[in-house]
Structure formats: C-alpha cells, structure tokens
Amino acid sequence: MIQIRFIRADGTEQTIQAPPGQSLMKAAVDADVKGIDADCGGTLTCATCHVMIDPPWARLLSAPIPDERDMLDFATSPVEPGSRLSCQVQLTPALDGLVVRLPASQY
C-alpha cells in the first residue's frame, strides 16, 4: 500500500493508504478526502480534482499530457508549477509517502 498525506488549504491533514496502480483521484474519492470533487469521474473533462504536488514528488511523475495541461486552464484555484489533475496521477511504489496540497476550492 502507498501512504498519501493530503493537506487542505486550511492546514488540516488526512493520511490515507491506496494500492499501486490506482489513480490519486480514485484513492482520494474512495477514502472520502474532502477537497477532491472529481465531477467527471476521472475522464479528464473537468478540473475538479486539481491538486498541487511539491517538486520532490512531482519529479517522480510522468509529464502531464497536453489534454491535462489544457484542462488545468479551467481550474478555479491558481495553477502552480506542481499543479496536476489527480485523475492523471498513477500511484506507484516510488510515491509512498506522497504529500499532496489541496486548493481552497474546486469551484
């Protein structure tokens, strides 16, 4: 299992565990993480699973595909260098201990 720590904009935290191969969004939804709305269910047609991943972790991820970069333009919160759509982040053993920051709002 992979441990993931979510940090909300208000500073509260929630730590979950998820299996490798699952998307970060699916793991968050299954664990009822507040702040990941995932309206489209992971089909890359909304930006309501926007998260920010700090550089040490972001370097371990594959680069975002053009569709993800385009969809981030619709994110309500400002896009940062580590901004990703959590539906596009696949969990791997290398991400054990991942820290994810959540925006103040997805809408």
PDB file of N, CA and C in Angstrom:
ATOM      1  N   MET A   1       0.843  -1.188   0.000  1.00  0.00           N
ATOM      2  CA  MET A   1       0.000   0.000   0.000  1.00  0.00           C
ATOM      3  C   MET A   1       0.887   1.250   0.000  1.00  0.00           C
ATOM      4  N   ILE A   2       0.343   2.279  -0.577  1.00  0.00           N
ATOM      5  CA  ILE A   2       1.041   3.558  -0.683  1.00  0.00           C
ATOM      6  C   ILE A   2       0.381   4.544   0.264  1.00  0.00           C
ATOM      7  N   GLN A   3       1.178   5.197   1.081  1.00  0.00           N
ATOM      8  CA  GLN A   3       0.662   6.196   2.005  1.00  0.00           C
ATOM      9  C   GLN A   3       0.692   7.566   1.338  1.00  0.00           C
ATOM     10  N   ILE A   4      -0.417   8.302   1.457  1.00  0.00           N
ATOM     11  CA  ILE A   4      -0.552   9.631   0.850  1.00  0.00           C
ATOM     12  C   ILE A   4      -1.081  10.582   1.914  1.00  0.00           C
ATOM     13  N   ARG A   5      -0.438  11.734   2.052  1.00  0.00           N
ATOM     14  CA  ARG A   5      -0.884  12.748   3.010  1.00  0.00           C
ATOM     15  C   ARG A   5      -1.449  13.934   2.241  1.00  0.00           C
ATOM     16  N   PHE A   6      -2.709  14.217   2.456  1.00  0.00           N
ATOM     17  CA  PHE A   6      -3.382  15.364   1.849  1.00  0.00           C
ATOM     18  C   PHE A   6      -3.389  16.513   2.843  1.00  0.00           C
ATOM     19  N   ILE A   7      -3.013  17.697   2.378  1.00  0.00           N
ATOM     20  CA  ILE A   7      -3.028  18.893   3.214  1.00  0.00           C
ATOM     21  C   ILE A   7      -3.999  19.879   2.594  1.00  0.00           C
ATOM     22  N   ARG A   8      -5.071  20.185   3.325  1.00  0.00           N
ATOM     23  CA  ARG A   8      -6.077  21.126   2.839  1.00  0.00           C
ATOM     24  C   ARG A   8      -5.562  22.558   2.962  1.00  0.00           C
ATOM     25  N   ALA A   9      -6.206  23.472   2.281  1.00  0.00           N
ATOM     26  CA  ALA A   9      -5.808  24.884   2.294  1.00  0.00           C
ATOM     27  C   ALA A   9      -5.851  25.460   3.705  1.00  0.00           C
ATOM     28  N   ASP A  10      -6.716  24.914   4.575  1.00  0.00           N
ATOM     29  CA  ASP A  10      -6.800  25.417   5.960  1.00  0.00           C
ATOM     30  C   ASP A  10      -5.771  24.767   6.881  1.00  0.00           C
ATOM     31  N   GLY A  11      -4.922  23.896   6.325  1.00  0.00           N
ATOM     32  CA  GLY A  11      -3.861  23.277   7.097  1.00  0.00           C
ATOM     33  C   GLY A  11      -4.207  21.924   7.701  1.00  0.00           C
ATOM     34  N   THR A  12      -5.478  21.536   7.667  1.00  0.00           N
ATOM     35  CA  THR A  12      -5.829  20.226   8.201  1.00  0.00           C
ATOM     36  C   THR A  12      -5.304  19.147   7.257  1.00  0.00           C
ATOM     37  N   GLU A  13      -5.037  17.994   7.831  1.00  0.00           N
ATOM     38  CA  GLU A  13      -4.435  16.915   7.053  1.00  0.00           C
ATOM     39  C   GLU A  13      -5.241  15.635   7.167  1.00  0.00           C
ATOM     40  N   GLN A  14      -5.107  14.806   6.152  1.00  0.00           N
ATOM     41  CA  GLN A  14      -5.706  13.476   6.146  1.00  0.00           C
ATOM     42  C   GLN A  14      -4.727  12.550   5.452  1.00  0.00           C
ATOM     43  N   THR A  15      -4.401  11.450   6.095  1.00  0.00           N
ATOM     44  CA  THR A  15      -3.496  10.462   5.524  1.00  0.00           C
ATOM     45  C   THR A  15      -4.296   9.223   5.177  1.00  0.00           C
ATOM     46  N   ILE A  16      -4.050   8.720   3.975  1.00  0.00           N
ATOM     47  CA  ILE A  16      -4.752   7.521   3.507  1.00  0.00           C
ATOM     48  C   ILE A  16      -3.736   6.527   2.962  1.00  0.00           C
ATOM     49  N   GLN A  17      -4.201   5.331   2.686  1.00  0.00           N
ATOM     50  CA  GLN A  17      -3.399   4.324   2.004  1.00  0.00           C
ATOM     51  C   GLN A  17      -4.168   3.835   0.790  1.00  0.00           C
ATOM     52  N   ALA A  18      -3.432   3.551  -0.269  1.00  0.00           N
ATOM     53  CA  ALA A  18      -4.066   3.091  -1.513  1.00  0.00           C
ATOM     54  C   ALA A  18      -3.131   2.121  -2.220  1.00  0.00           C
ATOM     55  N   PRO A  19      -3.694   1.253  -3.050  1.00  0.00           N
ATOM     56  CA  PRO A  19      -2.851   0.286  -3.764  1.00  0.00           C
ATOM     57  C   PRO A  19      -2.145   0.921  -4.960  1.00  0.00           C
ATOM     58  N   PRO A  20      -0.980   0.400  -5.322  1.00  0.00           N
ATOM     59  CA  PRO A  20      -0.313   0.857  -6.538  1.00  0.00           C
ATOM     60  C   PRO A  20      -1.205   0.593  -7.747  1.00  0.00           C
ATOM     61  N   GLY A  21      -1.071   1.452  -8.756  1.00  0.00           N
ATOM     62  CA  GLY A  21      -1.835   1.284  -9.993  1.00  0.00           C
ATOM     63  C   GLY A  21      -3.124   2.070 -10.015  1.00  0.00           C
ATOM     64  N   GLN A  22      -3.571   2.509  -8.864  1.00  0.00           N
ATOM     65  CA  GLN A  22      -4.801   3.300  -8.780  1.00  0.00           C
ATOM     66  C   GLN A  22      -4.455   4.765  -9.041  1.00  0.00           C
ATOM     67  N   SER A  23      -5.416   5.534  -9.525  1.00  0.00           N
ATOM     68  CA  SER A  23      -5.155   6.962  -9.688  1.00  0.00           C
ATOM     69  C   SER A  23      -5.244   7.646  -8.322  1.00  0.00           C
ATOM     70  N   LEU A  24      -4.545   8.739  -8.200  1.00  0.00           N
ATOM     71  CA  LEU A  24      -4.591   9.532  -6.974  1.00  0.00           C
ATOM     72  C   LEU A  24      -6.022   9.990  -6.707  1.00  0.00           C
ATOM     73  N   MET A  25      -6.752  10.363  -7.762  1.00  0.00           N
ATOM     74  CA  MET A  25      -8.140  10.792  -7.617  1.00  0.00           C
ATOM     75  C   MET A  25      -9.015   9.672  -7.058  1.00  0.00           C
ATOM     76  N   LYS A  26      -8.898   8.479  -7.613  1.00  0.00           N
ATOM     77  CA  LYS A  26      -9.710   7.347  -7.168  1.00  0.00           C
ATOM     78  C   LYS A  26      -9.411   7.016  -5.705  1.00  0.00           C
ATOM     79  N   ALA A  27      -8.138   7.047  -5.351  1.00  0.00           N
ATOM     80  CA  ALA A  27      -7.751   6.795  -3.967  1.00  0.00           C
ATOM     81  C   ALA A  27      -8.390   7.827  -3.038  1.00  0.00           C
ATOM     82  N   ALA A  28      -8.370   9.100  -3.453  1.00  0.00           N
ATOM     83  CA  ALA A  28      -8.941  10.168  -2.626  1.00  0.00           C
ATOM     84  C   ALA A  28     -10.454  10.028  -2.510  1.00  0.00           C
ATOM     85  N   VAL A  29     -11.118   9.750  -3.612  1.00  0.00           N
ATOM     86  CA  VAL A  29     -12.576   9.594  -3.597  1.00  0.00           C
ATOM     87  C   VAL A  29     -12.972   8.400  -2.732  1.00  0.00           C
ATOM     88  N   ASP A  30     -12.273   7.286  -2.890  1.00  0.00           N
ATOM     89  CA  ASP A  30     -12.590   6.093  -2.100  1.00  0.00           C
ATOM     90  C   ASP A  30     -12.410   6.332  -0.609  1.00  0.00           C
ATOM     91  N   ALA A  31     -11.459   7.198  -0.251  1.00  0.00           N
ATOM     92  CA  ALA A  31     -11.187   7.495   1.162  1.00  0.00           C
ATOM     93  C   ALA A  31     -11.961   8.715   1.654  1.00  0.00           C
ATOM     94  N   ASP A  32     -12.841   9.251   0.820  1.00  0.00           N
ATOM     95  CA  ASP A  32     -13.661  10.404   1.174  1.00  0.00           C
ATOM     96  C   ASP A  32     -12.818  11.619   1.590  1.00  0.00           C
ATOM     97  N   VAL A  33     -11.775  11.890   0.821  1.00  0.00           N
ATOM     98  CA  VAL A  33     -10.945  13.067   1.067  1.00  0.00           C
ATOM     99  C   VAL A  33     -11.729  14.290   0.613  1.00  0.00           C
ATOM    100  N   LYS A  34     -11.992  15.186   1.534  1.00  0.00           N
ATOM    101  CA  LYS A  34     -12.700  16.428   1.202  1.00  0.00           C
ATOM    102  C   LYS A  34     -11.759  17.342   0.426  1.00  0.00           C
ATOM    103  N   GLY A  35     -12.271  17.897  -0.675  1.00  0.00           N
ATOM    104  CA  GLY A  35     -11.466  18.795  -1.489  1.00  0.00           C
ATOM    105  C   GLY A  35     -11.113  18.212  -2.847  1.00  0.00           C
ATOM    106  N   ILE A  36     -11.425  16.944  -3.053  1.00  0.00           N
ATOM    107  CA  ILE A  36     -11.302  16.307  -4.370  1.00  0.00           C
ATOM    108  C   ILE A  36     -12.723  15.981  -4.795  1.00  0.00           C
ATOM    109  N   ASP A  37     -13.270  16.782  -5.702  1.00  0.00           N
ATOM    110  CA  ASP A  37     -14.668  16.597  -6.093  1.00  0.00           C
ATOM    111  C   ASP A  37     -14.818  15.599  -7.235  1.00  0.00           C
ATOM    112  N   ALA A  38     -13.911  15.614  -8.187  1.00  0.00           N
ATOM    113  CA  ALA A  38     -13.880  14.623  -9.263  1.00  0.00           C
ATOM    114  C   ALA A  38     -15.220  14.467  -9.968  1.00  0.00           C
ATOM    115  N   ASP A  39     -15.792  15.575 -10.395  1.00  0.00           N
ATOM    116  CA  ASP A  39     -17.116  15.556 -11.031  1.00  0.00           C
ATOM    117  C   ASP A  39     -17.193  14.649 -12.257  1.00  0.00           C
ATOM    118  N   CYS A  40     -16.126  14.569 -13.046  1.00  0.00           N
ATOM    119  CA  CYS A  40     -16.190  13.769 -14.268  1.00  0.00           C
ATOM    120  C   CYS A  40     -15.795  12.314 -14.039  1.00  0.00           C
ATOM    121  N   GLY A  41     -15.413  11.973 -12.825  1.00  0.00           N
ATOM    122  CA  GLY A  41     -15.072  10.598 -12.519  1.00  0.00           C
ATOM    123  C   GLY A  41     -13.735  10.144 -13.084  1.00  0.00           C
ATOM    124  N   GLY A  42     -12.908  11.075 -13.477  1.00  0.00           N
ATOM    125  CA  GLY A  42     -11.582  10.719 -13.967  1.00  0.00           C
ATOM    126  C   GLY A  42     -11.462  10.619 -15.473  1.00  0.00           C
ATOM    127  N   THR A  43     -12.386  11.226 -16.198  1.00  0.00           N
ATOM    128  CA  THR A  43     -12.344  11.151 -17.662  1.00  0.00           C
ATOM    129  C   THR A  43     -11.627  12.337 -18.312  1.00  0.00           C
ATOM    130  N   LEU A  44     -10.988  13.165 -17.500  1.00  0.00           N
ATOM    131  CA  LEU A  44     -10.213  14.310 -17.988  1.00  0.00           C
ATOM    132  C   LEU A  44     -11.098  15.327 -18.715  1.00  0.00           C
ATOM    133  N   THR A  45     -12.309  15.541 -18.187  1.00  0.00           N
ATOM    134  CA  THR A  45     -13.205  16.522 -18.799  1.00  0.00           C
ATOM    135  C   THR A  45     -13.627  17.603 -17.812  1.00  0.00           C
ATOM    136  N   CYS A  46     -12.964  17.688 -16.675  1.00  0.00           N
ATOM    137  CA  CYS A  46     -13.212  18.771 -15.722  1.00  0.00           C
ATOM    138  C   CYS A  46     -11.890  19.053 -15.012  1.00  0.00           C
ATOM    139  N   ALA A  47     -11.902  19.956 -14.101  1.00  0.00           N
ATOM    140  CA  ALA A  47     -10.684  20.256 -13.335  1.00  0.00           C
ATOM    141  C   ALA A  47     -10.980  20.239 -11.844  1.00  0.00           C
ATOM    142  N   THR A  48     -11.938  19.421 -11.435  1.00  0.00           N
ATOM    143  CA  THR A  48     -12.347  19.410 -10.030  1.00  0.00           C
ATOM    144  C   THR A  48     -11.581  18.382  -9.190  1.00  0.00           C
ATOM    145  N   CYS A  49     -10.458  17.938  -9.710  1.00  0.00           N
ATOM    146  CA  CYS A  49      -9.565  17.083  -8.918  1.00  0.00           C
ATOM    147  C   CYS A  49      -8.161  17.696  -8.911  1.00  0.00           C
ATOM    148  N   HIS A  50      -8.111  19.016  -9.093  1.00  0.00           N
ATOM    149  CA  HIS A  50      -6.855  19.766  -9.112  1.00  0.00           C
ATOM    150  C   HIS A  50      -6.137  19.618  -7.768  1.00  0.00           C
ATOM    151  N   VAL A  51      -4.860  19.303  -7.817  1.00  0.00           N
ATOM    152  CA  VAL A  51      -4.016  19.223  -6.627  1.00  0.00           C
ATOM    153  C   VAL A  51      -2.674  19.870  -6.942  1.00  0.00           C
ATOM    154  N   MET A  52      -1.910  20.139  -5.901  1.00  0.00           N
ATOM    155  CA  MET A  52      -0.563  20.667  -6.066  1.00  0.00           C
ATOM    156  C   MET A  52       0.411  19.670  -5.441  1.00  0.00           C
ATOM    157  N   ILE A  53       1.410  19.316  -6.192  1.00  0.00           N
ATOM    158  CA  ILE A  53       2.403  18.344  -5.760  1.00  0.00           C
ATOM    159  C   ILE A  53       3.760  19.050  -5.728  1.00  0.00           C
ATOM    160  N   ASP A  54       4.412  19.001  -4.577  1.00  0.00           N
ATOM    161  CA  ASP A  54       5.689  19.689  -4.404  1.00  0.00           C
ATOM    162  C   ASP A  54       6.773  19.077  -5.293  1.00  0.00           C
ATOM    163  N   PRO A  55       7.779  19.888  -5.657  1.00  0.00           N
ATOM    164  CA  PRO A  55       8.804  19.459  -6.615  1.00  0.00           C
ATOM    165  C   PRO A  55       9.462  18.106  -6.341  1.00  0.00           C
ATOM    166  N   PRO A  56       9.839  17.781  -5.100  1.00  0.00           N
ATOM    167  CA  PRO A  56      10.493  16.474  -4.934  1.00  0.00           C
ATOM    168  C   PRO A  56       9.621  15.309  -5.407  1.00  0.00           C
ATOM    169  N   TRP A  57       8.324  15.418  -5.192  1.00  0.00           N
ATOM    170  CA  TRP A  57       7.398  14.362  -5.616  1.00  0.00           C
ATOM    171  C   TRP A  57       7.044  14.510  -7.093  1.00  0.00           C
ATOM    172  N   ALA A  58       6.872  15.742  -7.535  1.00  0.00           N
ATOM    173  CA  ALA A  58       6.480  15.987  -8.930  1.00  0.00           C
ATOM    174  C   ALA A  58       7.507  15.417  -9.895  1.00  0.00           C
ATOM    175  N   ARG A  59       8.767  15.421  -9.503  1.00  0.00           N
ATOM    176  CA  ARG A  59       9.829  14.870 -10.374  1.00  0.00           C
ATOM    177  C   ARG A  59       9.659  13.372 -10.605  1.00  0.00           C
ATOM    178  N   LEU A  60       8.925  12.705  -9.729  1.00  0.00           N
ATOM    179  CA  LEU A  60       8.721  11.260  -9.859  1.00  0.00           C
ATOM    180  C   LEU A  60       7.548  10.912 -10.770  1.00  0.00           C
ATOM    181  N   LEU A  61       6.798  11.921 -11.190  1.00  0.00           N
ATOM    182  CA  LEU A  61       5.610  11.699 -12.019  1.00  0.00           C
ATOM    183  C   LEU A  61       5.947  11.838 -13.497  1.00  0.00           C
ATOM    184  N   SER A  62       5.180  11.149 -14.321  1.00  0.00           N
ATOM    185  CA  SER A  62       5.321  11.376 -15.752  1.00  0.00           C
ATOM    186  C   SER A  62       4.809  12.784 -16.061  1.00  0.00           C
ATOM    187  N   ALA A  63       5.289  13.354 -17.131  1.00  0.00           N
ATOM    188  CA  ALA A  63       4.875  14.707 -17.513  1.00  0.00           C
ATOM    189  C   ALA A  63       3.384  14.705 -17.855  1.00  0.00           C
ATOM    190  N   PRO A  64       2.690  15.808 -17.557  1.00  0.00           N
ATOM    191  CA  PRO A  64       1.275  15.876 -17.928  1.00  0.00           C
ATOM    192  C   PRO A  64       1.109  15.860 -19.449  1.00  0.00           C
ATOM    193  N   ILE A  65       0.083  15.166 -19.905  1.00  0.00           N
ATOM    194  CA  ILE A  65      -0.207  15.153 -21.334  1.00  0.00           C
ATOM    195  C   ILE A  65      -0.841  16.493 -21.719  1.00  0.00           C
ATOM    196  N   PRO A  66      -0.835  16.849 -22.984  1.00  0.00           N
ATOM    197  CA  PRO A  66      -1.400  18.141 -23.395  1.00  0.00           C
ATOM    198  C   PRO A  66      -2.849  18.352 -22.931  1.00  0.00           C
ATOM    199  N   ASP A  67      -3.679  17.322 -22.976  1.00  0.00           N
ATOM    200  CA  ASP A  67      -5.072  17.487 -22.536  1.00  0.00           C
ATOM    201  C   ASP A  67      -5.159  17.876 -21.058  1.00  0.00           C
ATOM    202  N   GLU A  68      -4.279  17.318 -20.242  1.00  0.00           N
ATOM    203  CA  GLU A  68      -4.284  17.689 -18.817  1.00  0.00           C
ATOM    204  C   GLU A  68      -3.854  19.141 -18.647  1.00  0.00           C
ATOM    205  N   ARG A  69      -2.814  19.538 -19.335  1.00  0.00           N
ATOM    206  CA  ARG A  69      -2.360  20.937 -19.242  1.00  0.00           C
ATOM    207  C   ARG A  69      -3.480  21.881 -19.680  1.00  0.00           C
ATOM    208  N   ASP A  70      -4.180  21.523 -20.754  1.00  0.00           N
ATOM    209  CA  ASP A  70      -5.282  22.357 -21.234  1.00  0.00           C
ATOM    210  C   ASP A  70      -6.413  22.426 -20.208  1.00  0.00           C
ATOM    211  N   MET A  71      -6.751  21.294 -19.607  1.00  0.00           N
ATOM    212  CA  MET A  71      -7.855  21.263 -18.652  1.00  0.00           C
ATOM    213  C   MET A  71      -7.518  22.049 -17.386  1.00  0.00           C
ATOM    214  N   LEU A  72      -6.247  22.111 -17.010  1.00  0.00           N
ATOM    215  CA  LEU A  72      -5.863  22.895 -15.833  1.00  0.00           C
ATOM    216  C   LEU A  72      -6.190  24.380 -16.011  1.00  0.00           C
ATOM    217  N   ASP A  73      -6.339  24.816 -17.255  1.00  0.00           N
ATOM    218  CA  ASP A  73      -6.747  26.206 -17.504  1.00  0.00           C
ATOM    219  C   ASP A  73      -8.128  26.493 -16.917  1.00  0.00           C
ATOM    220  N   PHE A  74      -8.910  25.451 -16.673  1.00  0.00           N
ATOM    221  CA  PHE A  74     -10.255  25.614 -16.134  1.00  0.00           C
ATOM    222  C   PHE A  74     -10.307  25.461 -14.613  1.00  0.00           C
ATOM    223  N   ALA A  75      -9.169  25.229 -13.988  1.00  0.00           N
ATOM    224  CA  ALA A  75      -9.126  25.105 -12.528  1.00  0.00           C
ATOM    225  C   ALA A  75      -9.501  26.438 -11.894  1.00  0.00           C
ATOM    226  N   THR A  76     -10.292  26.375 -10.845  1.00  0.00           N
ATOM    227  CA  THR A  76     -10.726  27.588 -10.156  1.00  0.00           C
ATOM    228  C   THR A  76      -9.574  28.242  -9.402  1.00  0.00           C
ATOM    229  N   SER A  77      -8.788  27.430  -8.717  1.00  0.00           N
ATOM    230  CA  SER A  77      -7.648  27.955  -7.953  1.00  0.00           C
ATOM    231  C   SER A  77      -6.471  28.180  -8.891  1.00  0.00           C
ATOM    232  N   PRO A  78      -5.610  29.116  -8.540  1.00  0.00           N
ATOM    233  CA  PRO A  78      -4.458  29.380  -9.409  1.00  0.00           C
ATOM    234  C   PRO A  78      -3.625  28.133  -9.649  1.00  0.00           C
ATOM    235  N   VAL A  79      -3.188  27.983 -10.875  1.00  0.00           N
ATOM    236  CA  VAL A  79      -2.338  26.861 -11.247  1.00  0.00           C
ATOM    237  C   VAL A  79      -0.908  27.201 -10.841  1.00  0.00           C
ATOM    238  N   GLU A  80      -0.265  26.245 -10.187  1.00  0.00           N
ATOM    239  CA  GLU A  80       1.112  26.403  -9.725  1.00  0.00           C
ATOM    240  C   GLU A  80       2.009  25.454 -10.515  1.00  0.00           C
ATOM    241  N   PRO A  81       3.331  25.598 -10.385  1.00  0.00           N
ATOM    242  CA  PRO A  81       4.215  24.684 -11.117  1.00  0.00           C
ATOM    243  C   PRO A  81       3.929  23.203 -10.832  1.00  0.00           C
ATOM    244  N   GLY A  82       3.509  22.843  -9.625  1.00  0.00           N
ATOM    245  CA  GLY A  82       3.226  21.456  -9.287  1.00  0.00           C
ATOM    246  C   GLY A  82       1.772  21.056  -9.465  1.00  0.00           C
ATOM    247  N   SER A  83       0.976  21.898 -10.114  1.00  0.00           N
ATOM    248  CA  SER A  83      -0.437  21.585 -10.297  1.00  0.00           C
ATOM    249  C   SER A  83      -0.619  20.396 -11.225  1.00  0.00           C
ATOM    250  N   ARG A  84      -1.489  19.502 -10.805  1.00  0.00           N
ATOM    251  CA  ARG A  84      -1.849  18.328 -11.609  1.00  0.00           C
ATOM    252  C   ARG A  84      -3.320  18.032 -11.394  1.00  0.00           C
ATOM    253  N   LEU A  85      -3.886  17.281 -12.314  1.00  0.00           N
ATOM    254  CA  LEU A  85      -5.211  16.712 -12.097  1.00  0.00           C
ATOM    255  C   LEU A  85      -4.971  15.337 -11.499  1.00  0.00           C
ATOM    256  N   SER A  86      -5.532  15.097 -10.334  1.00  0.00           N
ATOM    257  CA  SER A  86      -5.221  13.858  -9.626  1.00  0.00           C
ATOM    258  C   SER A  86      -5.701  12.620 -10.377  1.00  0.00           C
ATOM    259  N   CYS A  87      -6.632  12.779 -11.300  1.00  0.00           N
ATOM    260  CA  CYS A  87      -7.075  11.630 -12.103  1.00  0.00           C
ATOM    261  C   CYS A  87      -5.980  11.150 -13.044  1.00  0.00           C
ATOM    262  N   GLN A  88      -4.981  11.979 -13.276  1.00  0.00           N
ATOM    263  CA  GLN A  88      -3.911  11.644 -14.213  1.00  0.00           C
ATOM    264  C   GLN A  88      -2.632  11.176 -13.518  1.00  0.00           C
ATOM    265  N   VAL A  89      -2.664  11.121 -12.191  1.00  0.00           N
ATOM    266  CA  VAL A  89      -1.501  10.686 -11.416  1.00  0.00           C
ATOM    267  C   VAL A  89      -1.713   9.237 -10.996  1.00  0.00           C
ATOM    268  N   GLN A  90      -0.910   8.352 -11.541  1.00  0.00           N
ATOM    269  CA  GLN A  90      -0.995   6.932 -11.192  1.00  0.00           C
ATOM    270  C   GLN A  90      -0.051   6.643 -10.023  1.00  0.00           C
ATOM    271  N   LEU A  91      -0.587   5.983  -9.021  1.00  0.00           N
ATOM    272  CA  LEU A  91       0.206   5.671  -7.837  1.00  0.00           C
ATOM    273  C   LEU A  91       1.173   4.520  -8.120  1.00  0.00           C
ATOM    274  N   THR A  92       2.416   4.719  -7.723  1.00  0.00           N
ATOM    275  CA  THR A  92       3.461   3.711  -7.857  1.00  0.00           C
ATOM    276  C   THR A  92       4.149   3.572  -6.505  1.00  0.00           C
ATOM    277  N   PRO A  93       4.854   2.478  -6.283  1.00  0.00           N
ATOM    278  CA  PRO A  93       5.574   2.332  -5.013  1.00  0.00           C
ATOM    279  C   PRO A  93       6.537   3.481  -4.726  1.00  0.00           C
ATOM    280  N   ALA A  94       7.091   4.107  -5.753  1.00  0.00           N
ATOM    281  CA  ALA A  94       8.002   5.239  -5.558  1.00  0.00           C
ATOM    282  C   ALA A  94       7.306   6.433  -4.907  1.00  0.00           C
ATOM    283  N   LEU A  95       5.969   6.469  -4.971  1.00  0.00           N
ATOM    284  CA  LEU A  95       5.212   7.591  -4.407  1.00  0.00           C
ATOM    285  C   LEU A  95       4.776   7.347  -2.964  1.00  0.00           C
ATOM    286  N   ASP A  96       5.250   6.271  -2.344  1.00  0.00           N
ATOM    287  CA  ASP A  96       4.891   6.006  -0.952  1.00  0.00           C
ATOM    288  C   ASP A  96       5.366   7.168  -0.081  1.00  0.00           C
ATOM    289  N   GLY A  97       4.437   7.781   0.642  1.00  0.00           N
ATOM    290  CA  GLY A  97       4.736   8.955   1.458  1.00  0.00           C
ATOM    291  C   GLY A  97       4.389  10.267   0.769  1.00  0.00           C
ATOM    292  N   LEU A  98       3.799  10.196  -0.409  1.00  0.00           N
ATOM    293  CA  LEU A  98       3.436  11.374  -1.204  1.00  0.00           C
ATOM    294  C   LEU A  98       2.674  12.402  -0.373  1.00  0.00           C
ATOM    295  N   VAL A  99       3.041  13.665  -0.537  1.00  0.00           N
ATOM    296  CA  VAL A  99       2.344  14.777   0.104  1.00  0.00           C
ATOM    297  C   VAL A  99       1.663  15.584  -0.990  1.00  0.00           C
ATOM    298  N   VAL A 100       0.355  15.797  -0.826  1.00  0.00           N
ATOM    299  CA  VAL A 100      -0.468  16.478  -1.822  1.00  0.00           C
ATOM    300  C   VAL A 100      -1.169  17.660  -1.151  1.00  0.00           C
ATOM    301  N   ARG A 101      -1.049  18.831  -1.733  1.00  0.00           N
ATOM    302  CA  ARG A 101      -1.752  20.002  -1.219  1.00  0.00           C
ATOM    303  C   ARG A 101      -3.035  20.209  -2.039  1.00  0.00           C
ATOM    304  N   LEU A 102      -4.100  20.551  -1.334  1.00  0.00           N
ATOM    305  CA  LEU A 102      -5.395  20.764  -1.980  1.00  0.00           C
ATOM    306  C   LEU A 102      -5.693  22.255  -2.078  1.00  0.00           C
ATOM    307  N   PRO A 103      -6.341  22.671  -3.160  1.00  0.00           N
ATOM    308  CA  PRO A 103      -6.725  24.082  -3.286  1.00  0.00           C
ATOM    309  C   PRO A 103      -7.867  24.410  -2.321  1.00  0.00           C
ATOM    310  N   ALA A 104      -8.092  25.694  -2.110  1.00  0.00           N
ATOM    311  CA  ALA A 104      -9.172  26.134  -1.218  1.00  0.00           C
ATOM    312  C   ALA A 104     -10.521  25.696  -1.747  1.00  0.00           C
ATOM    313  N   SER A 105     -10.655  25.622  -3.063  1.00  0.00           N
ATOM    314  CA  SER A 105     -11.933  25.242  -3.663  1.00  0.00           C
ATOM    315  C   SER A 105     -11.703  24.665  -5.045  1.00  0.00           C
ATOM    316  N   GLN A 106     -12.604  23.780  -5.462  1.00  0.00           N
ATOM    317  CA  GLN A 106     -12.573  23.249  -6.824  1.00  0.00           C
ATOM    318  C   GLN A 106     -13.576  23.969  -7.718  1.00  0.00           C
ATOM    319  N   TYR A 107     -14.380  24.859  -7.133  1.00  0.00           N
ATOM    320  CA  TYR A 107     -15.408  25.580  -7.892  1.00  0.00           C
ATOM    321  C   TYR A 107     -15.210  27.065  -7.778  1.00  0.00           C
TER     322      TYR A 107
END
